[in-house]
Amino acid sequence: MVLCSSEGQLSNHIGAKLIYPAMPDAKVLIGDKGYDGDAFRDALNARKIKACSIPPRSNRTTPRSYSKSLYKQRHKVENVFAKLKDWRRIATRYDRCAHTFMSAICIAAVVMFWIIQ
């Protein structure tokens, strides 16, 4: 299972084009309505990834079906991002270098996992 997530300032359509070559082998993709585009769905079909959990946008002329039960599982990943943003250093992005920022995220994730256990 793959979760599509892009930074806040980036359009999901542009972000989707950037991740085409980096998409791992997966069976199903969970994404929000911003990823409901024919080009993105065609790229997923070419890689044999089901886009059954991307809900259609409200302005789509021919609505696509999607798995509501699978889409509801997306909240688990969203909750992890919300908990990461409780860490001030991560929420405000104090680190200048990407590798330092990623290290801070990894440390926060380890501590969060350790507390849950």
N, C-alpha and C. Protein backbone atom coordinates (compact mmCIF):
# COMPACT_ATOMS: atom_id res chain seq x y z
N MET A 1 0.83 -1.16 0.00
CA MET A 1 0.00 0.00 0.00
C MET A 1 0.89 1.24 0.00
N VAL A 2 0.54 2.22 -0.79
CA VAL A 2 1.30 3.46 -0.91
C VAL A 2 0.40 4.61 -0.52
N LEU A 3 0.92 5.55 0.21
CA LEU A 3 0.19 6.76 0.53
C LEU A 3 0.84 7.91 -0.21
N CYS A 4 0.06 8.66 -0.98
CA CYS A 4 0.58 9.83 -1.69
C CYS A 4 0.46 11.04 -0.79
N SER A 5 1.54 11.72 -0.60
CA SER A 5 1.54 12.94 0.19
C SER A 5 2.54 13.90 -0.41
N SER A 6 2.13 15.16 -0.56
CA SER A 6 3.04 16.17 -1.08
C SER A 6 3.02 17.37 -0.14
N GLU A 7 4.02 18.23 -0.29
CA GLU A 7 4.11 19.39 0.60
C GLU A 7 2.93 20.32 0.37
N GLY A 8 2.65 21.16 1.34
CA GLY A 8 1.46 22.00 1.31
C GLY A 8 1.40 22.99 0.17
N GLN A 9 2.55 23.51 -0.29
CA GLN A 9 2.55 24.53 -1.33
C GLN A 9 2.49 23.93 -2.73
N LEU A 10 2.62 22.64 -2.84
CA LEU A 10 2.71 21.99 -4.14
C LEU A 10 1.36 21.41 -4.56
N SER A 11 0.96 21.69 -5.78
CA SER A 11 -0.27 21.11 -6.30
C SER A 11 -0.13 19.60 -6.37
N ASN A 12 -1.20 18.90 -6.05
CA ASN A 12 -1.14 17.44 -6.07
C ASN A 12 -0.86 16.89 -7.47
N HIS A 13 -1.34 17.58 -8.50
CA HIS A 13 -1.09 17.11 -9.86
C HIS A 13 0.40 17.19 -10.20
N ILE A 14 1.05 18.26 -9.79
CA ILE A 14 2.49 18.41 -10.04
C ILE A 14 3.26 17.41 -9.18
N GLY A 15 2.86 17.27 -7.93
CA GLY A 15 3.51 16.30 -7.04
C GLY A 15 3.37 14.88 -7.55
N ALA A 16 2.23 14.55 -8.13
CA ALA A 16 2.02 13.21 -8.66
C ALA A 16 2.96 12.93 -9.83
N LYS A 17 3.16 13.93 -10.68
CA LYS A 17 4.08 13.75 -11.80
C LYS A 17 5.51 13.53 -11.33
N LEU A 18 5.87 14.16 -10.21
CA LEU A 18 7.22 14.00 -9.67
C LEU A 18 7.47 12.62 -9.09
N ILE A 19 6.41 11.96 -8.60
CA ILE A 19 6.62 10.66 -7.96
C ILE A 19 6.45 9.48 -8.90
N TYR A 20 6.08 9.71 -10.16
CA TYR A 20 5.94 8.59 -11.10
C TYR A 20 7.15 7.65 -11.09
N PRO A 21 8.38 8.16 -11.29
CA PRO A 21 9.52 7.24 -11.36
C PRO A 21 9.87 6.63 -10.00
N ALA A 22 9.49 7.28 -8.91
CA ALA A 22 9.88 6.79 -7.58
C ALA A 22 8.82 5.91 -6.92
N MET A 23 7.69 5.71 -7.59
CA MET A 23 6.64 4.90 -6.98
C MET A 23 7.11 3.46 -6.78
N PRO A 24 6.99 2.95 -5.56
CA PRO A 24 7.38 1.57 -5.31
C PRO A 24 6.33 0.60 -5.84
N ASP A 25 6.70 -0.65 -5.92
CA ASP A 25 5.73 -1.66 -6.32
C ASP A 25 4.71 -1.82 -5.19
N ALA A 26 3.46 -1.69 -5.52
CA ALA A 26 2.40 -1.80 -4.54
C ALA A 26 1.16 -2.33 -5.24
N LYS A 27 0.20 -2.76 -4.46
CA LYS A 27 -1.05 -3.26 -5.03
C LYS A 27 -2.12 -2.19 -5.06
N VAL A 28 -2.14 -1.34 -4.01
CA VAL A 28 -3.19 -0.34 -3.86
C VAL A 28 -2.57 1.00 -3.49
N LEU A 29 -3.18 2.08 -3.96
CA LEU A 29 -2.72 3.42 -3.60
C LEU A 29 -3.85 4.14 -2.87
N ILE A 30 -3.51 4.77 -1.75
CA ILE A 30 -4.47 5.59 -1.03
C ILE A 30 -4.08 7.04 -1.26
N GLY A 31 -5.00 7.81 -1.79
CA GLY A 31 -4.75 9.23 -2.04
C GLY A 31 -6.02 10.02 -1.83
N ASP A 32 -5.89 11.34 -1.72
CA ASP A 32 -7.08 12.15 -1.55
C ASP A 32 -7.60 12.61 -2.91
N LYS A 33 -8.63 13.44 -2.89
CA LYS A 33 -9.27 13.87 -4.14
C LYS A 33 -8.34 14.63 -5.06
N GLY A 34 -7.30 15.23 -4.51
CA GLY A 34 -6.36 15.98 -5.34
C GLY A 34 -5.60 15.11 -6.33
N TYR A 35 -5.53 13.82 -6.07
CA TYR A 35 -4.83 12.90 -6.96
C TYR A 35 -5.76 12.24 -7.98
N ASP A 36 -7.01 12.66 -8.02
CA ASP A 36 -7.97 12.09 -8.96
C ASP A 36 -7.82 12.76 -10.31
N GLY A 37 -6.87 12.28 -11.06
CA GLY A 37 -6.65 12.78 -12.42
C GLY A 37 -6.45 11.61 -13.36
N ASP A 38 -6.88 11.77 -14.60
CA ASP A 38 -6.78 10.67 -15.55
C ASP A 38 -5.32 10.29 -15.83
N ALA A 39 -4.43 11.29 -15.91
CA ALA A 39 -3.02 11.00 -16.19
C ALA A 39 -2.41 10.18 -15.05
N PHE A 40 -2.73 10.55 -13.81
CA PHE A 40 -2.20 9.84 -12.66
C PHE A 40 -2.76 8.42 -12.60
N ARG A 41 -4.05 8.28 -12.86
CA ARG A 41 -4.66 6.94 -12.86
C ARG A 41 -4.08 6.07 -13.98
N ASP A 42 -3.80 6.67 -15.14
CA ASP A 42 -3.18 5.91 -16.23
C ASP A 42 -1.78 5.45 -15.86
N ALA A 43 -1.02 6.32 -15.16
CA ALA A 43 0.32 5.93 -14.72
C ALA A 43 0.26 4.80 -13.70
N LEU A 44 -0.75 4.84 -12.84
CA LEU A 44 -0.92 3.75 -11.88
C LEU A 44 -1.29 2.44 -12.57
N ASN A 45 -2.19 2.53 -13.54
CA ASN A 45 -2.58 1.33 -14.29
C ASN A 45 -1.40 0.73 -15.03
N ALA A 46 -0.52 1.57 -15.56
CA ALA A 46 0.67 1.07 -16.26
C ALA A 46 1.59 0.30 -15.32
N ARG A 47 1.59 0.66 -14.04
CA ARG A 47 2.42 -0.03 -13.04
C ARG A 47 1.64 -1.09 -12.29
N LYS A 48 0.39 -1.34 -12.72
CA LYS A 48 -0.49 -2.35 -12.12
C LYS A 48 -0.77 -2.07 -10.64
N ILE A 49 -1.01 -0.79 -10.34
CA ILE A 49 -1.39 -0.36 -8.99
C ILE A 49 -2.85 0.09 -9.05
N LYS A 50 -3.67 -0.46 -8.16
CA LYS A 50 -5.08 -0.09 -8.13
C LYS A 50 -5.26 1.25 -7.44
N ALA A 51 -6.04 2.11 -8.05
CA ALA A 51 -6.35 3.42 -7.46
C ALA A 51 -7.76 3.38 -6.90
N CYS A 52 -8.13 2.27 -6.29
CA CYS A 52 -9.51 2.10 -5.84
C CYS A 52 -9.83 2.90 -4.60
N SER A 53 -8.86 3.53 -3.98
CA SER A 53 -9.16 4.29 -2.78
C SER A 53 -8.90 5.79 -2.95
N ILE A 54 -8.99 6.27 -4.19
CA ILE A 54 -8.93 7.71 -4.45
C ILE A 54 -10.35 8.15 -4.79
N PRO A 55 -10.99 8.93 -3.91
CA PRO A 55 -12.36 9.35 -4.20
C PRO A 55 -12.39 10.34 -5.36
N PRO A 56 -13.45 10.31 -6.17
CA PRO A 56 -13.52 11.23 -7.32
C PRO A 56 -13.80 12.66 -6.87
N ARG A 57 -13.27 13.62 -7.62
CA ARG A 57 -13.56 15.03 -7.36
C ARG A 57 -15.02 15.31 -7.67
N SER A 58 -15.55 16.34 -7.05
CA SER A 58 -16.97 16.65 -7.22
C SER A 58 -17.29 17.16 -8.63
N ASN A 59 -16.31 17.72 -9.34
CA ASN A 59 -16.58 18.26 -10.67
C ASN A 59 -16.27 17.26 -11.79
N ARG A 60 -16.01 16.01 -11.46
CA ARG A 60 -15.72 14.99 -12.48
C ARG A 60 -17.01 14.66 -13.23
N THR A 61 -16.95 14.63 -14.57
CA THR A 61 -18.14 14.36 -15.37
C THR A 61 -18.57 12.90 -15.28
N THR A 62 -17.60 12.00 -15.26
CA THR A 62 -17.92 10.57 -15.11
C THR A 62 -17.30 10.09 -13.79
N PRO A 63 -18.11 10.01 -12.73
CA PRO A 63 -17.55 9.63 -11.44
C PRO A 63 -16.96 8.23 -11.46
N ARG A 64 -15.83 8.08 -10.78
CA ARG A 64 -15.17 6.78 -10.65
C ARG A 64 -15.56 6.14 -9.32
N SER A 65 -15.57 4.84 -9.29
CA SER A 65 -15.88 4.15 -8.04
C SER A 65 -14.60 4.05 -7.20
N TYR A 66 -14.77 3.93 -5.90
CA TYR A 66 -13.63 3.78 -5.01
C TYR A 66 -14.07 3.01 -3.77
N SER A 67 -13.11 2.49 -3.05
CA SER A 67 -13.39 1.71 -1.86
C SER A 67 -13.47 2.64 -0.64
N LYS A 68 -14.67 2.85 -0.14
CA LYS A 68 -14.84 3.73 1.01
C LYS A 68 -14.21 3.14 2.27
N SER A 69 -14.28 1.85 2.42
CA SER A 69 -13.70 1.22 3.62
C SER A 69 -12.18 1.34 3.62
N LEU A 70 -11.55 1.18 2.46
CA LEU A 70 -10.10 1.32 2.37
C LEU A 70 -9.68 2.78 2.54
N TYR A 71 -10.47 3.70 2.00
CA TYR A 71 -10.15 5.12 2.13
C TYR A 71 -10.22 5.57 3.59
N LYS A 72 -11.09 4.95 4.37
CA LYS A 72 -11.20 5.30 5.80
C LYS A 72 -9.93 4.96 6.56
N GLN A 73 -9.11 4.05 6.06
CA GLN A 73 -7.86 3.67 6.71
C GLN A 73 -6.82 4.78 6.59
N ARG A 74 -7.05 5.74 5.71
CA ARG A 74 -6.11 6.84 5.50
C ARG A 74 -5.93 7.70 6.74
N HIS A 75 -6.92 7.72 7.61
CA HIS A 75 -6.84 8.55 8.80
C HIS A 75 -5.71 8.11 9.73
N LYS A 76 -5.32 6.86 9.68
CA LYS A 76 -4.22 6.39 10.54
C LYS A 76 -2.91 7.10 10.17
N VAL A 77 -2.66 7.26 8.90
CA VAL A 77 -1.46 7.95 8.45
C VAL A 77 -1.56 9.44 8.75
N GLU A 78 -2.74 10.01 8.55
CA GLU A 78 -2.94 11.42 8.87
C GLU A 78 -2.71 11.68 10.36
N ASN A 79 -3.10 10.74 11.22
CA ASN A 79 -2.89 10.89 12.66
C ASN A 79 -1.40 10.91 13.00
N VAL A 80 -0.61 10.10 12.31
CA VAL A 80 0.84 10.09 12.55
C VAL A 80 1.44 11.45 12.18
N PHE A 81 1.02 12.02 11.04
CA PHE A 81 1.51 13.34 10.65
C PHE A 81 1.10 14.38 11.68
N ALA A 82 -0.12 14.28 12.21
CA ALA A 82 -0.58 15.23 13.22
C ALA A 82 0.26 15.12 14.49
N LYS A 83 0.62 13.90 14.89
CA LYS A 83 1.44 13.72 16.09
C LYS A 83 2.86 14.22 15.85
N LEU A 84 3.37 14.06 14.65
CA LEU A 84 4.71 14.59 14.34
C LEU A 84 4.73 16.11 14.45
N LYS A 85 3.63 16.75 14.07
CA LYS A 85 3.58 18.20 14.11
C LYS A 85 3.46 18.74 15.54
N ASP A 86 3.24 17.85 16.52
CA ASP A 86 3.28 18.28 17.91
C ASP A 86 4.70 18.64 18.33
N TRP A 87 5.68 18.13 17.61
CA TRP A 87 7.08 18.44 17.88
C TRP A 87 7.37 19.80 17.24
N ARG A 88 7.69 20.77 18.06
CA ARG A 88 7.88 22.14 17.59
C ARG A 88 8.94 22.24 16.50
N ARG A 89 10.03 21.53 16.65
CA ARG A 89 11.12 21.59 15.68
C ARG A 89 10.65 21.14 14.29
N ILE A 90 9.76 20.16 14.26
CA ILE A 90 9.27 19.65 12.98
C ILE A 90 8.18 20.56 12.43
N ALA A 91 7.27 21.02 13.28
CA ALA A 91 6.16 21.86 12.83
C ALA A 91 6.65 23.18 12.24
N THR A 92 7.71 23.76 12.82
CA THR A 92 8.22 25.04 12.34
C THR A 92 9.36 24.91 11.34
N ARG A 93 9.83 23.70 11.12
CA ARG A 93 10.91 23.41 10.16
C ARG A 93 12.14 24.26 10.41
N TYR A 94 12.66 24.16 11.64
CA TYR A 94 13.85 24.92 12.02
C TYR A 94 15.09 24.53 11.22
N ASP A 95 15.19 23.27 10.86
CA ASP A 95 16.41 22.78 10.21
C ASP A 95 16.52 23.30 8.79
N ARG A 96 17.72 23.72 8.43
CA ARG A 96 17.94 24.25 7.08
C ARG A 96 18.19 23.15 6.06
N CYS A 97 18.86 22.10 6.49
CA CYS A 97 19.20 21.01 5.57
C CYS A 97 18.12 19.93 5.61
N ALA A 98 17.84 19.37 4.44
CA ALA A 98 16.80 18.33 4.35
C ALA A 98 17.18 17.10 5.15
N HIS A 99 18.48 16.73 5.15
CA HIS A 99 18.87 15.51 5.88
C HIS A 99 18.75 15.71 7.39
N THR A 100 18.97 16.93 7.89
CA THR A 100 18.80 17.21 9.31
C THR A 100 17.32 17.19 9.68
N PHE A 101 16.49 17.74 8.81
CA PHE A 101 15.04 17.72 9.04
C PHE A 101 14.53 16.28 9.06
N MET A 102 15.00 15.46 8.12
CA MET A 102 14.59 14.05 8.08
C MET A 102 15.07 13.32 9.33
N SER A 103 16.26 13.66 9.82
CA SER A 103 16.77 13.04 11.04
C SER A 103 15.88 13.38 12.23
N ALA A 104 15.42 14.63 12.30
CA ALA A 104 14.52 15.03 13.38
C ALA A 104 13.20 14.27 13.31
N ILE A 105 12.70 14.07 12.11
CA ILE A 105 11.47 13.29 11.93
C ILE A 105 11.67 11.86 12.39
N CYS A 106 12.82 11.26 12.04
CA CYS A 106 13.11 9.88 12.45
C CYS A 106 13.21 9.76 13.97
N ILE A 107 13.86 10.72 14.61
CA ILE A 107 13.99 10.69 16.07
C ILE A 107 12.60 10.82 16.71
N ALA A 108 11.78 11.73 16.20
CA ALA A 108 10.43 11.90 16.74
C ALA A 108 9.60 10.63 16.55
N ALA A 109 9.73 10.00 15.39
CA ALA A 109 8.98 8.78 15.12
C ALA A 109 9.40 7.65 16.05
N VAL A 110 10.70 7.54 16.31
CA VAL A 110 11.18 6.50 17.23
C VAL A 110 10.65 6.74 18.63
N VAL A 111 10.69 7.98 19.10
CA VAL A 111 10.19 8.30 20.43
C VAL A 111 8.68 8.04 20.52
N MET A 112 7.95 8.43 19.47
CA MET A 112 6.50 8.18 19.46
C MET A 112 6.21 6.69 19.51
N PHE A 113 6.95 5.91 18.75
CA PHE A 113 6.76 4.45 18.72
C PHE A 113 7.11 3.86 20.08
N TRP A 114 8.16 4.36 20.70
CA TRP A 114 8.61 3.86 22.00
C TRP A 114 7.57 4.16 23.09
N ILE A 115 6.96 5.35 23.03
CA ILE A 115 5.94 5.72 24.01
C ILE A 115 4.69 4.86 23.86
N ILE A 116 4.32 4.56 22.63
CA ILE A 116 3.12 3.74 22.37
C ILE A 116 3.31 2.32 22.87
N GLN A 117 4.52 1.80 22.75
CA GLN A 117 4.78 0.43 23.18
C GLN A 117 4.75 0.38 24.64
